[in-house]
């Protein structure tokens, strides 16, 4: 009796379970990711407030400025001077005029009225309020011209 060999080809691998697992992982990470904190900076610890509420609708045109201190890994201040952290750069309020002018020019170039742009200031709880006011005044100067502002705080859930 003669037996035919079926040939030695590569075995078939069913990829369906692997694809299912990949899609489940993608869905899992999308659910746990907090998209609101994308422009947050770990050097800024927001103050807690009973009245703080997240915006009900995401702002369409917003410029987020993180205003805080250089800190070590333990969260202790390295430098007593507060800095603005924006686009991977660090600068003081006095040095921020040029950067704010270029951002204002960007919005004008793309055809967005500066009245429609909200400057979101995420100021550390330790930053003096006078420094935040100085930053707001600088944003309103001629040549920059931002008019809408929002201050970020963490909601106190006690």
N, C-alpha and C. Protein backbone atom coordinates (compact mmCIF):
# COMPACT_ATOMS: atom_id res chain seq x y z
N UNK A 1 0.82 -1.16 0.00
CA UNK A 1 0.00 0.00 0.00
C UNK A 1 0.89 1.25 0.00
N UNK A 2 0.55 2.13 -0.90
CA UNK A 2 1.33 3.33 -1.08
C UNK A 2 0.64 4.50 -0.37
N UNK A 3 1.38 5.24 0.45
CA UNK A 3 0.84 6.39 1.17
C UNK A 3 1.38 7.67 0.54
N UNK A 4 0.45 8.57 0.24
CA UNK A 4 0.85 9.85 -0.36
C UNK A 4 1.23 10.83 0.75
N UNK A 5 2.30 11.54 0.53
CA UNK A 5 2.65 12.58 1.50
C UNK A 5 1.92 13.86 1.10
N UNK A 6 1.43 14.56 2.08
CA UNK A 6 0.64 15.77 1.81
C UNK A 6 1.51 17.00 1.56
N UNK A 7 2.77 16.88 1.69
CA UNK A 7 3.66 18.02 1.47
C UNK A 7 3.95 18.71 2.80
N UNK A 8 5.06 19.31 2.87
CA UNK A 8 5.43 19.98 4.12
C UNK A 8 5.41 21.48 3.93
N UNK A 9 4.27 22.06 4.14
CA UNK A 9 4.11 23.51 4.04
C UNK A 9 4.09 24.13 5.43
N UNK A 10 4.17 25.43 5.49
CA UNK A 10 4.12 26.09 6.80
C UNK A 10 2.73 25.90 7.43
N UNK A 11 2.70 25.73 8.73
CA UNK A 11 1.40 25.55 9.39
C UNK A 11 0.59 26.86 9.36
N UNK A 12 -0.70 26.75 9.29
CA UNK A 12 -1.57 27.91 9.29
C UNK A 12 -1.76 28.40 10.72
N UNK A 13 -1.57 29.70 10.92
CA UNK A 13 -1.73 30.29 12.24
C UNK A 13 -2.97 31.19 12.20
N UNK A 14 -3.87 30.99 13.14
CA UNK A 14 -5.07 31.80 13.22
C UNK A 14 -4.76 33.09 13.99
N UNK A 15 -4.80 34.25 13.32
CA UNK A 15 -4.45 35.53 13.94
C UNK A 15 -5.65 36.23 14.58
N UNK A 16 -6.83 35.66 14.49
CA UNK A 16 -8.03 36.30 15.03
C UNK A 16 -7.92 36.60 16.52
N UNK A 17 -7.49 35.65 17.37
CA UNK A 17 -7.38 35.99 18.80
C UNK A 17 -6.37 37.11 19.08
N UNK A 18 -5.27 37.14 18.29
CA UNK A 18 -4.27 38.19 18.49
C UNK A 18 -4.86 39.56 18.15
N UNK A 19 -5.61 39.64 17.07
CA UNK A 19 -6.24 40.91 16.68
C UNK A 19 -7.26 41.34 17.74
N UNK A 20 -8.03 40.40 18.27
CA UNK A 20 -8.99 40.73 19.33
C UNK A 20 -8.29 41.31 20.55
N UNK A 21 -7.18 40.72 20.95
CA UNK A 21 -6.45 41.21 22.13
C UNK A 21 -5.90 42.62 21.87
N UNK A 22 -5.37 42.86 20.68
CA UNK A 22 -4.83 44.18 20.35
C UNK A 22 -5.93 45.24 20.43
N UNK A 23 -7.10 44.96 19.87
CA UNK A 23 -8.20 45.92 19.92
C UNK A 23 -8.68 46.14 21.35
N UNK A 24 -8.69 45.11 22.17
CA UNK A 24 -9.08 45.28 23.57
C UNK A 24 -8.07 46.16 24.31
N UNK A 25 -6.78 45.99 24.02
CA UNK A 25 -5.77 46.83 24.66
C UNK A 25 -5.91 48.29 24.22
N UNK A 26 -6.17 48.50 22.95
CA UNK A 26 -6.36 49.87 22.46
C UNK A 26 -7.56 50.51 23.16
N UNK A 27 -8.66 49.78 23.26
CA UNK A 27 -9.86 50.32 23.93
C UNK A 27 -9.57 50.59 25.40
N UNK A 28 -8.84 49.70 26.06
CA UNK A 28 -8.51 49.88 27.48
C UNK A 28 -7.70 51.16 27.69
N UNK A 29 -6.66 51.37 26.91
CA UNK A 29 -5.82 52.55 27.10
C UNK A 29 -6.54 53.84 26.71
N UNK A 30 -7.46 53.78 25.76
CA UNK A 30 -8.24 54.97 25.43
C UNK A 30 -9.17 55.35 26.57
N UNK A 31 -9.70 54.35 27.27
CA UNK A 31 -10.62 54.62 28.37
C UNK A 31 -9.89 55.21 29.57
N UNK A 32 -8.70 54.70 29.88
CA UNK A 32 -8.00 55.17 31.09
C UNK A 32 -7.20 56.44 30.87
N UNK A 33 -6.97 56.85 29.63
CA UNK A 33 -6.21 58.06 29.36
C UNK A 33 -7.07 59.28 29.66
N UNK A 34 -6.51 60.20 30.41
CA UNK A 34 -7.20 61.44 30.74
C UNK A 34 -6.74 62.49 29.74
N UNK A 35 -7.56 62.75 28.72
CA UNK A 35 -7.16 63.67 27.67
C UNK A 35 -7.11 65.11 28.14
N UNK A 36 -7.79 65.47 29.22
CA UNK A 36 -7.81 66.84 29.74
C UNK A 36 -6.42 67.25 30.23
N UNK A 37 -5.63 66.29 30.68
CA UNK A 37 -4.34 66.60 31.27
C UNK A 37 -3.20 66.61 30.26
N UNK A 38 -3.49 66.59 28.97
CA UNK A 38 -2.43 66.54 27.97
C UNK A 38 -1.50 67.74 28.04
N UNK A 39 -2.02 68.90 28.37
CA UNK A 39 -1.18 70.09 28.42
C UNK A 39 -0.79 70.42 29.86
N UNK A 40 -1.01 69.49 30.75
CA UNK A 40 -0.65 69.70 32.14
C UNK A 40 0.86 69.52 32.31
N UNK A 41 1.38 70.14 33.33
CA UNK A 41 2.80 70.03 33.63
C UNK A 41 2.93 69.56 35.07
N UNK A 42 3.78 68.55 35.29
CA UNK A 42 3.92 68.00 36.64
C UNK A 42 4.56 68.97 37.61
N UNK A 43 5.14 70.05 37.11
CA UNK A 43 5.74 71.05 38.00
C UNK A 43 4.72 72.01 38.57
N UNK A 44 3.47 71.90 38.13
CA UNK A 44 2.41 72.79 38.60
C UNK A 44 1.42 71.99 39.44
N UNK A 45 1.28 72.40 40.70
CA UNK A 45 0.30 71.80 41.60
C UNK A 45 -0.85 72.79 41.74
N UNK A 46 -1.99 72.45 41.16
CA UNK A 46 -3.11 73.38 41.15
C UNK A 46 -3.69 73.56 42.56
N UNK A 47 -4.17 74.76 42.86
CA UNK A 47 -4.82 74.98 44.16
C UNK A 47 -6.17 74.25 44.20
N UNK A 48 -6.61 73.92 45.40
CA UNK A 48 -7.91 73.27 45.57
C UNK A 48 -8.95 74.33 45.91
N UNK A 49 -10.17 74.15 45.36
CA UNK A 49 -11.22 75.12 45.56
C UNK A 49 -12.57 74.41 45.54
N UNK A 50 -13.49 74.83 46.41
CA UNK A 50 -14.83 74.24 46.45
C UNK A 50 -15.62 74.58 45.20
N UNK A 51 -15.38 75.74 44.62
CA UNK A 51 -16.17 76.20 43.48
C UNK A 51 -15.59 75.80 42.12
N UNK A 52 -14.40 75.17 42.12
CA UNK A 52 -13.78 74.80 40.85
C UNK A 52 -14.58 73.70 40.16
N UNK A 53 -14.90 73.94 38.91
CA UNK A 53 -15.62 72.95 38.11
C UNK A 53 -14.97 72.87 36.74
N UNK A 54 -14.89 71.68 36.18
CA UNK A 54 -14.34 71.60 34.82
C UNK A 54 -15.32 72.23 33.84
N UNK A 55 -14.82 72.77 32.74
CA UNK A 55 -15.73 73.37 31.76
C UNK A 55 -16.67 72.31 31.19
N UNK A 56 -17.92 72.70 30.96
CA UNK A 56 -18.90 71.75 30.44
C UNK A 56 -18.63 71.41 28.99
N UNK A 57 -18.10 72.37 28.24
CA UNK A 57 -17.79 72.16 26.84
C UNK A 57 -16.31 72.48 26.64
N UNK A 58 -15.60 71.63 25.91
CA UNK A 58 -14.18 71.88 25.66
C UNK A 58 -14.03 73.14 24.81
N UNK A 59 -13.11 73.98 25.21
CA UNK A 59 -12.88 75.22 24.47
C UNK A 59 -12.24 74.91 23.12
N UNK A 60 -12.74 75.59 22.10
CA UNK A 60 -12.24 75.33 20.75
C UNK A 60 -10.85 75.92 20.54
N UNK A 61 -10.67 77.17 20.89
CA UNK A 61 -9.38 77.84 20.73
C UNK A 61 -8.86 78.22 22.11
N UNK A 62 -7.83 77.53 22.54
CA UNK A 62 -7.28 77.84 23.86
C UNK A 62 -5.76 77.76 23.82
N UNK A 63 -5.16 78.60 24.63
CA UNK A 63 -3.72 78.64 24.80
C UNK A 63 -3.45 78.35 26.27
N UNK A 64 -2.80 77.23 26.57
CA UNK A 64 -2.57 76.83 27.95
C UNK A 64 -1.17 77.21 28.39
N UNK A 65 -1.09 77.97 29.49
CA UNK A 65 0.18 78.37 30.08
C UNK A 65 0.29 77.73 31.46
N UNK A 66 1.32 76.94 31.69
CA UNK A 66 1.58 76.36 33.00
C UNK A 66 2.53 77.29 33.74
N UNK A 67 2.14 77.70 34.94
CA UNK A 67 2.88 78.70 35.70
C UNK A 67 3.23 78.08 37.06
N UNK A 68 4.49 77.73 37.25
CA UNK A 68 4.87 77.06 38.48
C UNK A 68 6.35 77.16 38.76
N UNK A 69 6.85 76.22 39.54
CA UNK A 69 8.23 76.22 40.02
C UNK A 69 8.98 75.02 39.49
N UNK A 70 10.30 75.19 39.35
CA UNK A 70 11.17 74.04 39.09
C UNK A 70 11.18 73.20 40.37
N UNK A 71 10.93 71.90 40.23
CA UNK A 71 10.87 71.02 41.39
C UNK A 71 11.72 69.78 41.16
N UNK A 72 12.19 69.19 42.27
CA UNK A 72 12.93 67.95 42.16
C UNK A 72 11.95 66.77 42.14
N UNK A 73 12.47 65.55 42.17
CA UNK A 73 11.61 64.37 42.09
C UNK A 73 10.68 64.22 43.29
N UNK A 74 11.04 64.83 44.40
CA UNK A 74 10.21 64.75 45.60
C UNK A 74 9.14 65.84 45.63
N UNK A 75 9.14 66.73 44.64
CA UNK A 75 8.16 67.80 44.57
C UNK A 75 8.57 69.04 45.34
N UNK A 76 9.82 69.12 45.75
CA UNK A 76 10.30 70.29 46.48
C UNK A 76 10.86 71.33 45.50
N UNK A 77 10.64 72.60 45.80
CA UNK A 77 11.10 73.67 44.92
C UNK A 77 12.62 73.69 44.86
N UNK A 78 13.15 73.77 43.65
CA UNK A 78 14.59 73.91 43.45
C UNK A 78 14.94 75.38 43.36
N UNK A 79 14.07 76.15 42.69
CA UNK A 79 14.29 77.57 42.45
C UNK A 79 13.09 78.33 43.02
N UNK A 80 13.30 79.39 43.79
CA UNK A 80 12.18 80.12 44.38
C UNK A 80 11.41 80.99 43.38
N UNK A 81 11.95 81.17 42.18
CA UNK A 81 11.28 82.01 41.18
C UNK A 81 10.29 81.18 40.37
N UNK A 82 9.06 81.69 40.18
CA UNK A 82 8.10 80.96 39.35
C UNK A 82 8.41 81.17 37.86
N UNK A 83 8.13 80.13 37.08
CA UNK A 83 8.38 80.17 35.64
C UNK A 83 7.11 79.77 34.89
N UNK A 84 7.05 80.19 33.64
CA UNK A 84 5.99 79.76 32.74
C UNK A 84 6.59 78.64 31.90
N UNK A 85 5.90 77.50 31.87
CA UNK A 85 6.33 76.35 31.10
C UNK A 85 5.40 76.24 29.90
N UNK A 86 5.98 76.40 28.70
CA UNK A 86 5.17 76.39 27.48
C UNK A 86 6.00 75.84 26.34
N UNK A 87 5.48 74.87 25.64
CA UNK A 87 6.14 74.26 24.46
C UNK A 87 7.55 73.78 24.77
N UNK A 88 7.73 73.18 25.93
CA UNK A 88 9.04 72.66 26.29
C UNK A 88 10.04 73.72 26.71
N UNK A 89 9.61 74.96 26.80
CA UNK A 89 10.49 76.05 27.21
C UNK A 89 10.11 76.54 28.60
N UNK A 90 11.03 77.23 29.23
CA UNK A 90 10.80 77.81 30.55
C UNK A 90 11.23 79.27 30.50
N UNK A 91 10.34 80.17 30.96
CA UNK A 91 10.70 81.58 30.98
C UNK A 91 9.92 82.29 32.08
N UNK A 92 10.42 83.45 32.48
CA UNK A 92 9.77 84.23 33.53
C UNK A 92 8.65 85.06 32.89
N UNK A 93 7.85 85.70 33.74
CA UNK A 93 6.77 86.55 33.24
C UNK A 93 7.35 87.67 32.40
N UNK A 94 8.44 88.26 32.85
CA UNK A 94 9.06 89.37 32.12
C UNK A 94 9.55 88.94 30.75
N UNK A 95 10.00 87.70 30.62
CA UNK A 95 10.53 87.19 29.36
C UNK A 95 9.45 86.64 28.43
N UNK A 96 8.21 86.57 28.89
CA UNK A 96 7.16 85.89 28.14
C UNK A 96 6.52 86.75 27.05
N UNK A 97 6.79 88.03 27.03
CA UNK A 97 6.16 88.93 26.05
C UNK A 97 6.39 88.51 24.61
N UNK A 98 7.62 88.15 24.26
CA UNK A 98 7.93 87.77 22.88
C UNK A 98 7.18 86.50 22.48
N UNK A 99 7.13 85.53 23.38
CA UNK A 99 6.44 84.27 23.08
C UNK A 99 4.93 84.50 22.94
N UNK A 100 4.37 85.34 23.80
CA UNK A 100 2.94 85.64 23.71
C UNK A 100 2.61 86.40 22.42
N UNK A 101 3.49 87.30 22.00
CA UNK A 101 3.29 88.01 20.74
C UNK A 101 3.28 87.04 19.56
N UNK A 102 4.19 86.07 19.58
CA UNK A 102 4.24 85.11 18.47
C UNK A 102 3.01 84.22 18.47
N UNK A 103 2.48 83.87 19.64
CA UNK A 103 1.25 83.07 19.71
C UNK A 103 0.06 83.88 19.20
N UNK A 104 0.00 85.16 19.58
CA UNK A 104 -1.08 86.02 19.09
C UNK A 104 -1.00 86.17 17.57
N UNK A 105 0.21 86.31 17.05
CA UNK A 105 0.40 86.41 15.61
C UNK A 105 -0.03 85.12 14.91
N UNK A 106 0.24 83.98 15.54
CA UNK A 106 -0.19 82.69 14.97
C UNK A 106 -1.70 82.65 14.81
N UNK A 107 -2.43 83.02 15.86
CA UNK A 107 -3.90 83.00 15.78
C UNK A 107 -4.41 83.98 14.74
N UNK A 108 -3.78 85.13 14.63
CA UNK A 108 -4.19 86.10 13.59
C UNK A 108 -3.92 85.53 12.20
N UNK A 109 -2.80 84.83 12.03
CA UNK A 109 -2.44 84.28 10.74
C UNK A 109 -3.43 83.21 10.28
N UNK A 110 -3.92 82.39 11.21
CA UNK A 110 -4.87 81.34 10.81
C UNK A 110 -6.30 81.87 10.75
N UNK A 111 -6.47 83.17 10.99
CA UNK A 111 -7.79 83.80 10.84
C UNK A 111 -8.68 83.69 12.05
N UNK A 112 -8.12 83.44 13.22
CA UNK A 112 -8.90 83.37 14.45
C UNK A 112 -8.82 84.70 15.17
N UNK A 113 -9.99 85.25 15.49
CA UNK A 113 -10.04 86.51 16.23
C UNK A 113 -9.57 86.25 17.66
N UNK A 114 -8.73 87.13 18.20
CA UNK A 114 -8.20 86.94 19.54
C UNK A 114 -9.29 86.99 20.61
N UNK A 115 -10.46 87.56 20.28
CA UNK A 115 -11.58 87.56 21.22
C UNK A 115 -12.11 86.14 21.44
N UNK A 116 -11.84 85.24 20.49
CA UNK A 116 -12.33 83.87 20.58
C UNK A 116 -11.31 82.91 21.19
N UNK A 117 -10.12 83.41 21.51
CA UNK A 117 -9.06 82.57 22.09
C UNK A 117 -9.08 82.74 23.61
N UNK A 118 -9.13 81.63 24.32
CA UNK A 118 -9.09 81.65 25.78
C UNK A 118 -7.70 81.27 26.25
N UNK A 119 -7.09 82.13 27.04
CA UNK A 119 -5.80 81.83 27.64
C UNK A 119 -6.07 81.12 28.97
N UNK A 120 -5.72 79.83 29.04
CA UNK A 120 -5.91 79.04 30.25
C UNK A 120 -4.62 79.09 31.06
N UNK A 121 -4.70 79.65 32.24
CA UNK A 121 -3.52 79.76 33.10
C UNK A 121 -3.64 78.71 34.20
N UNK A 122 -2.72 77.77 34.18
CA UNK A 122 -2.64 76.72 35.21
C UNK A 122 -1.54 77.14 36.17
N UNK A 123 -1.89 77.91 37.19
CA UNK A 123 -0.90 78.44 38.11
C UNK A 123 -0.78 77.53 39.33
N UNK A 124 0.45 77.28 39.74
CA UNK A 124 0.73 76.50 40.94
C UNK A 124 0.12 77.21 42.15
N UNK A 125 -0.27 76.44 43.16
CA UNK A 125 -0.89 77.00 44.36
C UNK A 125 0.05 77.98 45.07
N UNK A 126 1.36 77.80 44.91
CA UNK A 126 2.32 78.67 45.59
C UNK A 126 2.68 79.93 44.84
N UNK A 127 2.24 80.08 43.61
CA UNK A 127 2.56 81.29 42.83
C UNK A 127 1.74 82.45 43.38
N UNK A 128 2.38 83.58 43.72
CA UNK A 128 1.62 84.73 44.23
C UNK A 128 0.59 85.22 43.22
N UNK A 129 -0.58 85.60 43.71
CA UNK A 129 -1.64 86.05 42.82
C UNK A 129 -1.23 87.30 42.04
N UNK A 130 -0.36 88.11 42.60
CA UNK A 130 0.14 89.29 41.89
C UNK A 130 0.90 88.93 40.63
N UNK A 131 1.61 87.80 40.67
CA UNK A 131 2.35 87.35 39.48
C UNK A 131 1.37 86.89 38.39
N UNK A 132 0.28 86.24 38.80
CA UNK A 132 -0.73 85.81 37.83
C UNK A 132 -1.39 87.04 37.21
N UNK A 133 -1.69 88.04 38.02
CA UNK A 133 -2.28 89.27 37.50
C UNK A 133 -1.32 89.97 36.53
N UNK A 134 -0.05 89.95 36.84
CA UNK A 134 0.95 90.55 35.97
C UNK A 134 0.98 89.83 34.62
N UNK A 135 0.86 88.50 34.65
CA UNK A 135 0.83 87.72 33.41
C UNK A 135 -0.41 88.05 32.59
N UNK A 136 -1.55 88.20 33.25
CA UNK A 136 -2.79 88.56 32.54
C UNK A 136 -2.66 89.94 31.91
N UNK A 137 -2.09 90.90 32.65
CA UNK A 137 -1.90 92.24 32.10
C UNK A 137 -0.97 92.21 30.89
N UNK A 138 0.05 91.38 30.95
CA UNK A 138 0.97 91.27 29.82
C UNK A 138 0.26 90.70 28.60
N UNK A 139 -0.64 89.73 28.82
CA UNK A 139 -1.40 89.14 27.71
C UNK A 139 -2.35 90.15 27.06
N UNK A 140 -2.74 91.18 27.81
CA UNK A 140 -3.68 92.17 27.30
C UNK A 140 -3.01 93.36 26.64
N UNK A 141 -1.69 93.46 26.73
CA UNK A 141 -0.97 94.61 26.18
C UNK A 141 -1.14 94.72 24.66
N UNK A 142 -0.84 95.92 24.15
CA UNK A 142 -0.84 96.14 22.71
C UNK A 142 0.21 95.24 22.08
N UNK A 143 -0.11 94.71 20.93
CA UNK A 143 0.81 93.81 20.26
C UNK A 143 0.53 92.36 20.60
N UNK A 144 -0.18 92.13 21.70
CA UNK A 144 -0.56 90.76 22.06
C UNK A 144 -2.08 90.68 21.95
N UNK A 145 -2.81 91.28 22.88
CA UNK A 145 -4.25 91.48 22.74
C UNK A 145 -5.18 90.35 23.08
N UNK A 146 -4.75 89.37 23.89
CA UNK A 146 -5.69 88.35 24.34
C UNK A 146 -6.70 88.97 25.30
N UNK A 147 -7.95 88.51 25.26
CA UNK A 147 -8.99 89.14 26.08
C UNK A 147 -9.72 88.17 26.99
N UNK A 148 -9.69 86.88 26.69
CA UNK A 148 -10.43 85.90 27.50
C UNK A 148 -9.44 85.05 28.29
N UNK A 149 -9.77 84.84 29.57
CA UNK A 149 -8.86 84.11 30.44
C UNK A 149 -9.64 83.10 31.27
N UNK A 150 -8.98 82.00 31.60
CA UNK A 150 -9.54 81.00 32.50
C UNK A 150 -8.42 80.53 33.42
N UNK A 151 -8.71 80.52 34.70
CA UNK A 151 -7.74 80.04 35.68
C UNK A 151 -8.13 78.63 36.10
N UNK A 152 -7.17 77.74 36.13
CA UNK A 152 -7.44 76.35 36.47
C UNK A 152 -7.17 76.11 37.95
N UNK A 153 -8.04 75.28 38.55
CA UNK A 153 -7.87 74.85 39.93
C UNK A 153 -8.37 73.42 40.02
N UNK A 154 -8.01 72.73 41.08
CA UNK A 154 -8.50 71.37 41.30
C UNK A 154 -9.71 71.44 42.19
N UNK A 155 -10.74 70.68 41.84
CA UNK A 155 -11.97 70.71 42.64
C UNK A 155 -11.73 70.01 43.98
N UNK A 156 -12.08 70.68 45.05
CA UNK A 156 -11.94 70.14 46.39
C UNK A 156 -13.16 69.27 46.68
N UNK A 157 -12.96 67.98 46.85
CA UNK A 157 -14.09 67.06 47.02
C UNK A 157 -14.30 66.65 48.46
N UNK A 158 -13.86 67.45 49.39
CA UNK A 158 -14.05 67.12 50.83
C UNK A 158 -15.47 67.35 51.27
